[in-house]
PDB file of all heavy atoms in Angstrom:
ATOM      1  N   VAL A   1     112.445 -51.936 113.586  1.00  0.00           N
ATOM      2  CA  VAL A   1     112.516 -51.055 112.425  1.00  0.00           C
ATOM      3  C   VAL A   1     112.875 -51.897 111.209  1.00  0.00           C
ATOM      4  O   VAL A   1     113.912 -52.581 111.206  1.00  0.00           O
ATOM      5  CB  VAL A   1     113.562 -49.943 112.623  1.00  0.00           C
ATOM      6  CG1 VAL A   1     113.698 -49.113 111.346  1.00  0.00           C
ATOM      7  CG2 VAL A   1     113.165 -49.043 113.789  1.00  0.00           C
ATOM      8  N   ALA A   2     112.019 -51.871 110.197  1.00  0.00           N
ATOM      9  CA  ALA A   2     112.330 -52.577 108.955  1.00  0.00           C
ATOM     10  C   ALA A   2     113.462 -51.841 108.252  1.00  0.00           C
ATOM     11  O   ALA A   2     113.447 -50.615 108.148  1.00  0.00           O
ATOM     12  CB  ALA A   2     111.097 -52.637 108.059  1.00  0.00           C
ATOM     13  N   ALA A   3     114.449 -52.586 107.774  1.00  0.00           N
ATOM     14  CA  ALA A   3     115.634 -51.958 107.199  1.00  0.00           C
ATOM     15  C   ALA A   3     116.041 -52.662 105.917  1.00  0.00           C
ATOM     16  O   ALA A   3     116.297 -53.861 105.915  1.00  0.00           O
ATOM     17  CB  ALA A   3     116.792 -51.987 108.207  1.00  0.00           C
ATOM     18  N   VAL A   4     116.109 -51.901 104.846  1.00  0.00           N
ATOM     19  CA  VAL A   4     116.627 -52.392 103.581  1.00  0.00           C
ATOM     20  C   VAL A   4     117.989 -51.785 103.305  1.00  0.00           C
ATOM     21  O   VAL A   4     118.908 -52.449 102.845  1.00  0.00           O
ATOM     22  CB  VAL A   4     115.652 -52.077 102.424  1.00  0.00           C
ATOM     23  CG1 VAL A   4     116.247 -52.496 101.079  1.00  0.00           C
ATOM     24  CG2 VAL A   4     114.321 -52.777 102.643  1.00  0.00           C
ATOM     25  N   SER A   5     118.155 -50.499 103.629  1.00  0.00           N
ATOM     26  CA  SER A   5     119.371 -49.757 103.292  1.00  0.00           C
ATOM     27  C   SER A   5     120.293 -49.603 104.489  1.00  0.00           C
ATOM     28  O   SER A   5     119.902 -49.824 105.643  1.00  0.00           O
ATOM     29  CB  SER A   5     118.996 -48.369 102.772  1.00  0.00           C
ATOM     30  OG  SER A   5     118.419 -47.602 103.822  1.00  0.00           O
ATOM     31  N   ASP A   6     121.518 -49.167 104.216  1.00  0.00           N
ATOM     32  CA  ASP A   6     122.471 -48.855 105.280  1.00  0.00           C
ATOM     33  C   ASP A   6     121.922 -47.769 106.204  1.00  0.00           C
ATOM     34  O   ASP A   6     122.066 -47.856 107.433  1.00  0.00           O
ATOM     35  CB  ASP A   6     123.800 -48.388 104.681  1.00  0.00           C
ATOM     36  CG  ASP A   6     124.606 -49.503 104.052  1.00  0.00           C
ATOM     37  OD1 ASP A   6     124.047 -50.615 103.867  1.00  0.00           O
ATOM     38  OD2 ASP A   6     125.786 -49.281 103.728  1.00  0.00           O
ATOM     39  N   ASN A   7     121.316 -46.734 105.632  1.00  0.00           N
ATOM     40  CA  ASN A   7     120.808 -45.632 106.445  1.00  0.00           C
ATOM     41  C   ASN A   7     119.748 -46.094 107.423  1.00  0.00           C
ATOM     42  O   ASN A   7     119.675 -45.621 108.563  1.00  0.00           O
ATOM     43  CB  ASN A   7     120.252 -44.527 105.542  1.00  0.00           C
ATOM     44  CG  ASN A   7     121.342 -43.728 104.860  1.00  0.00           C
ATOM     45  OD1 ASN A   7     122.482 -43.686 105.334  1.00  0.00           O
ATOM     46  ND2 ASN A   7     121.011 -43.081 103.761  1.00  0.00           N
ATOM     47  N   ALA A   8     118.895 -47.013 106.979  1.00  0.00           N
ATOM     48  CA  ALA A   8     117.853 -47.513 107.874  1.00  0.00           C
ATOM     49  C   ALA A   8     118.458 -48.298 109.036  1.00  0.00           C
ATOM     50  O   ALA A   8     117.996 -48.200 110.180  1.00  0.00           O
ATOM     51  CB  ALA A   8     116.878 -48.387 107.095  1.00  0.00           C
ATOM     52  N   VAL A   9     119.495 -49.083 108.756  1.00  0.00           N
ATOM     53  CA  VAL A   9     120.169 -49.833 109.815  1.00  0.00           C
ATOM     54  C   VAL A   9     120.830 -48.873 110.803  1.00  0.00           C
ATOM     55  O   VAL A   9     120.753 -49.048 112.023  1.00  0.00           O
ATOM     56  CB  VAL A   9     121.206 -50.797 109.211  1.00  0.00           C
ATOM     57  CG1 VAL A   9     122.103 -51.388 110.290  1.00  0.00           C
ATOM     58  CG2 VAL A   9     120.504 -51.915 108.443  1.00  0.00           C
ATOM     59  N   LYS A  10     121.469 -47.837 110.292  1.00  0.00           N
ATOM     60  CA  LYS A  10     122.128 -46.857 111.169  1.00  0.00           C
ATOM     61  C   LYS A  10     121.102 -46.138 112.039  1.00  0.00           C
ATOM     62  O   LYS A  10     121.360 -45.855 113.216  1.00  0.00           O
ATOM     63  CB  LYS A  10     122.909 -45.853 110.328  1.00  0.00           C
ATOM     64  CG  LYS A  10     124.142 -46.431 109.646  1.00  0.00           C
ATOM     65  CD  LYS A  10     124.826 -45.374 108.791  1.00  0.00           C
ATOM     66  CE  LYS A  10     126.050 -45.916 108.101  1.00  0.00           C
ATOM     67  NZ  LYS A  10     126.710 -44.892 107.240  1.00  0.00           N
ATOM     68  N   ARG A  11     119.946 -45.820 111.461  1.00  0.00           N
ATOM     69  CA  ARG A  11     118.897 -45.140 112.231  1.00  0.00           C
ATOM     70  C   ARG A  11     118.474 -46.001 113.419  1.00  0.00           C
ATOM     71  O   ARG A  11     118.324 -45.502 114.536  1.00  0.00           O
ATOM     72  CB  ARG A  11     117.701 -44.848 111.327  1.00  0.00           C
ATOM     73  CG  ARG A  11     116.542 -44.159 112.054  1.00  0.00           C
ATOM     74  CD  ARG A  11     115.347 -43.919 111.131  1.00  0.00           C
ATOM     75  NE  ARG A  11     115.682 -43.010 110.050  1.00  0.00           N
ATOM     76  CZ  ARG A  11     115.768 -43.359 108.772  1.00  0.00           C
ATOM     77  NH1 ARG A  11     115.527 -44.621 108.410  1.00  0.00           N
ATOM     78  NH2 ARG A  11     116.075 -42.478 107.854  1.00  0.00           N
ATOM     79  N   ALA A  12     118.285 -47.287 113.181  1.00  0.00           N
ATOM     80  CA  ALA A  12     117.899 -48.189 114.266  1.00  0.00           C
ATOM     81  C   ALA A  12     119.016 -48.338 115.288  1.00  0.00           C
ATOM     82  O   ALA A  12     118.763 -48.382 116.501  1.00  0.00           O
ATOM     83  CB  ALA A  12     117.518 -49.553 113.682  1.00  0.00           C
ATOM     84  N   ALA A  13     120.257 -48.415 114.803  1.00  0.00           N
ATOM     85  CA  ALA A  13     121.393 -48.629 115.708  1.00  0.00           C
ATOM     86  C   ALA A  13     121.591 -47.446 116.645  1.00  0.00           C
ATOM     87  O   ALA A  13     121.915 -47.622 117.824  1.00  0.00           O
ATOM     88  CB  ALA A  13     122.658 -48.872 114.890  1.00  0.00           C
ATOM     89  N   ARG A  14     121.414 -46.246 116.145  1.00  0.00           N
ATOM     90  CA  ARG A  14     121.588 -45.063 116.999  1.00  0.00           C
ATOM     91  C   ARG A  14     120.595 -45.059 118.152  1.00  0.00           C
ATOM     92  O   ARG A  14     120.866 -44.471 119.205  1.00  0.00           O
ATOM     93  CB  ARG A  14     121.417 -43.783 116.166  1.00  0.00           C
ATOM     94  CG  ARG A  14     122.532 -43.534 115.169  1.00  0.00           C
ATOM     95  CD  ARG A  14     122.462 -42.122 114.618  1.00  0.00           C
ATOM     96  NE  ARG A  14     121.229 -41.846 113.906  1.00  0.00           N
ATOM     97  CZ  ARG A  14     121.062 -42.002 112.595  1.00  0.00           C
ATOM     98  NH1 ARG A  14     122.076 -42.453 111.862  1.00  0.00           N
ATOM     99  NH2 ARG A  14     119.908 -41.723 112.018  1.00  0.00           N
ATOM    100  N   ARG A  15     119.467 -45.705 117.944  1.00  0.00           N
ATOM    101  CA  ARG A  15     118.414 -45.719 118.956  1.00  0.00           C
ATOM    102  C   ARG A  15     118.354 -47.046 119.722  1.00  0.00           C
ATOM    103  O   ARG A  15     117.542 -47.185 120.643  1.00  0.00           O
ATOM    104  CB  ARG A  15     117.059 -45.450 118.296  1.00  0.00           C
ATOM    105  CG  ARG A  15     116.951 -44.065 117.664  1.00  0.00           C
ATOM    106  CD  ARG A  15     115.660 -43.918 116.886  1.00  0.00           C
ATOM    107  NE  ARG A  15     115.505 -42.595 116.305  1.00  0.00           N
ATOM    108  CZ  ARG A  15     114.925 -41.565 116.913  1.00  0.00           C
ATOM    109  NH1 ARG A  15     114.442 -41.722 118.125  1.00  0.00           N
ATOM    110  NH2 ARG A  15     114.834 -40.394 116.315  1.00  0.00           N
ATOM    111  N   GLY A  16     119.142 -48.019 119.330  1.00  0.00           N
ATOM    112  CA  GLY A  16     119.117 -49.311 120.006  1.00  0.00           C
ATOM    113  C   GLY A  16     117.845 -50.088 119.779  1.00  0.00           C
ATOM    114  O   GLY A  16     117.349 -50.773 120.680  1.00  0.00           O
ATOM    115  N   LEU A  17     117.301 -50.014 118.550  1.00  0.00           N
ATOM    116  CA  LEU A  17     116.059 -50.695 118.227  1.00  0.00           C
ATOM    117  C   LEU A  17     116.323 -51.994 117.472  1.00  0.00           C
ATOM    118  O   LEU A  17     117.325 -52.117 116.757  1.00  0.00           O
ATOM    119  CB  LEU A  17     115.175 -49.777 117.368  1.00  0.00           C
ATOM    120  CG  LEU A  17     114.825 -48.422 117.985  1.00  0.00           C
ATOM    121  CD1 LEU A  17     114.017 -47.583 117.008  1.00  0.00           C
ATOM    122  CD2 LEU A  17     114.080 -48.590 119.309  1.00  0.00           C
ATOM    123  N   ASN A  18     115.417 -52.956 117.621  1.00  0.00           N
ATOM    124  CA  ASN A  18     115.517 -54.202 116.868  1.00  0.00           C
ATOM    125  C   ASN A  18     115.374 -53.918 115.373  1.00  0.00           C
ATOM    126  O   ASN A  18     114.724 -52.947 114.970  1.00  0.00           O
ATOM    127  CB  ASN A  18     114.433 -55.187 117.305  1.00  0.00           C
ATOM    128  CG  ASN A  18     114.519 -55.533 118.763  1.00  0.00           C
ATOM    129  OD1 ASN A  18     115.580 -55.815 119.293  1.00  0.00           O
ATOM    130  ND2 ASN A  18     113.377 -55.497 119.453  1.00  0.00           N
ATOM    131  N   VAL A  19     115.972 -54.785 114.562  1.00  0.00           N
ATOM    132  CA  VAL A  19     115.972 -54.587 113.111  1.00  0.00           C
ATOM    133  C   VAL A  19     115.337 -55.788 112.429  1.00  0.00           C
ATOM    134  O   VAL A  19     115.631 -56.941 112.772  1.00  0.00           O
ATOM    135  CB  VAL A  19     117.411 -54.395 112.580  1.00  0.00           C
ATOM    136  CG1 VAL A  19     117.437 -54.467 111.070  1.00  0.00           C
ATOM    137  CG2 VAL A  19     117.961 -53.057 113.025  1.00  0.00           C
ATOM    138  N   LEU A  20     114.474 -55.514 111.448  1.00  0.00           N
ATOM    139  CA  LEU A  20     113.915 -56.555 110.595  1.00  0.00           C
ATOM    140  C   LEU A  20     114.447 -56.342 109.187  1.00  0.00           C
ATOM    141  O   LEU A  20     114.080 -55.364 108.522  1.00  0.00           O
ATOM    142  CB  LEU A  20     112.385 -56.509 110.605  1.00  0.00           C
ATOM    143  CG  LEU A  20     111.686 -57.560 109.749  1.00  0.00           C
ATOM    144  CD1 LEU A  20     112.015 -58.969 110.238  1.00  0.00           C
ATOM    145  CD2 LEU A  20     110.169 -57.341 109.758  1.00  0.00           C
ATOM    146  N   LEU A  21     115.314 -57.233 108.745  1.00  0.00           N
ATOM    147  CA  LEU A  21     115.912 -57.144 107.421  1.00  0.00           C
ATOM    148  C   LEU A  21     114.964 -57.718 106.372  1.00  0.00           C
ATOM    149  O   LEU A  21     114.028 -58.442 106.689  1.00  0.00           O
ATOM    150  CB  LEU A  21     117.257 -57.864 107.393  1.00  0.00           C
ATOM    151  CG  LEU A  21     118.301 -57.345 108.390  1.00  0.00           C
ATOM    152  CD1 LEU A  21     119.561 -58.200 108.350  1.00  0.00           C
ATOM    153  CD2 LEU A  21     118.641 -55.879 108.115  1.00  0.00           C
ATOM    154  N   SER A  22     115.256 -57.420 105.132  1.00  0.00           N
ATOM    155  CA  SER A  22     114.349 -57.739 104.029  1.00  0.00           C
ATOM    156  C   SER A  22     114.568 -59.141 103.490  1.00  0.00           C
ATOM    157  O   SER A  22     115.653 -59.719 103.610  1.00  0.00           O
ATOM    158  CB  SER A  22     114.562 -56.719 102.903  1.00  0.00           C
ATOM    159  OG  SER A  22     113.932 -57.115 101.721  1.00  0.00           O
ATOM    160  N   ASP A  23     113.539 -59.669 102.822  1.00  0.00           N
ATOM    161  CA  ASP A  23     113.711 -60.928 102.106  1.00  0.00           C
ATOM    162  C   ASP A  23     114.573 -60.738 100.862  1.00  0.00           C
ATOM    163  O   ASP A  23     114.918 -61.703 100.187  1.00  0.00           O
ATOM    164  CB  ASP A  23     112.356 -61.538 101.733  1.00  0.00           C
ATOM    165  CG  ASP A  23     111.446 -60.544 101.041  1.00  0.00           C
ATOM    166  OD1 ASP A  23     111.942 -59.525 100.533  1.00  0.00           O
ATOM    167  OD2 ASP A  23     110.222 -60.778 101.005  1.00  0.00           O
ATOM    168  N   ALA A  24     114.921 -59.491 100.547  1.00  0.00           N
ATOM    169  CA  ALA A  24     115.838 -59.228  99.434  1.00  0.00           C
ATOM    170  C   ALA A  24     117.294 -59.414  99.829  1.00  0.00           C
ATOM    171  O   ALA A  24     118.175 -59.425  98.971  1.00  0.00           O
ATOM    172  CB  ALA A  24     115.631 -57.804  98.904  1.00  0.00           C
ATOM    173  N   HIS A  25     117.582 -59.551 101.144  1.00  0.00           N
ATOM    174  CA  HIS A  25     118.952 -59.698 101.619  1.00  0.00           C
ATOM    175  C   HIS A  25     119.346 -61.172 101.674  1.00  0.00           C
ATOM    176  O   HIS A  25     118.678 -61.960 102.344  1.00  0.00           O
ATOM    177  CB  HIS A  25     119.108 -59.098 103.011  1.00  0.00           C
ATOM    178  CG  HIS A  25     118.869 -57.615 103.071  1.00  0.00           C
ATOM    179  ND1 HIS A  25     118.075 -57.019 104.020  1.00  0.00           N
ATOM    180  CD2 HIS A  25     119.311 -56.611 102.279  1.00  0.00           C
ATOM    181  CE1 HIS A  25     118.047 -55.718 103.820  1.00  0.00           C
ATOM    182  NE2 HIS A  25     118.779 -55.441 102.766  1.00  0.00           N
ATOM    183  N   ASP A  26     120.432 -61.530 101.005  1.00  0.00           N
ATOM    184  CA  ASP A  26     120.956 -62.879 101.186  1.00  0.00           C
ATOM    185  C   ASP A  26     121.756 -62.925 102.485  1.00  0.00           C
ATOM    186  O   ASP A  26     121.919 -61.908 103.180  1.00  0.00           O
ATOM    187  CB  ASP A  26     121.785 -63.325  99.982  1.00  0.00           C
ATOM    188  CG  ASP A  26     122.990 -62.428  99.705  1.00  0.00           C
ATOM    189  OD1 ASP A  26     123.441 -61.703 100.619  1.00  0.00           O
ATOM    190  OD2 ASP A  26     123.490 -62.454  98.560  1.00  0.00           O
TER     191      ASP A  26
END
């Protein structure tokens, strides 16, 4: 699951899915 925001990360975490963070994140 591509994640930019906190909500997107939480959505993936509740389901135990891998996360792809953005190139906007340091």
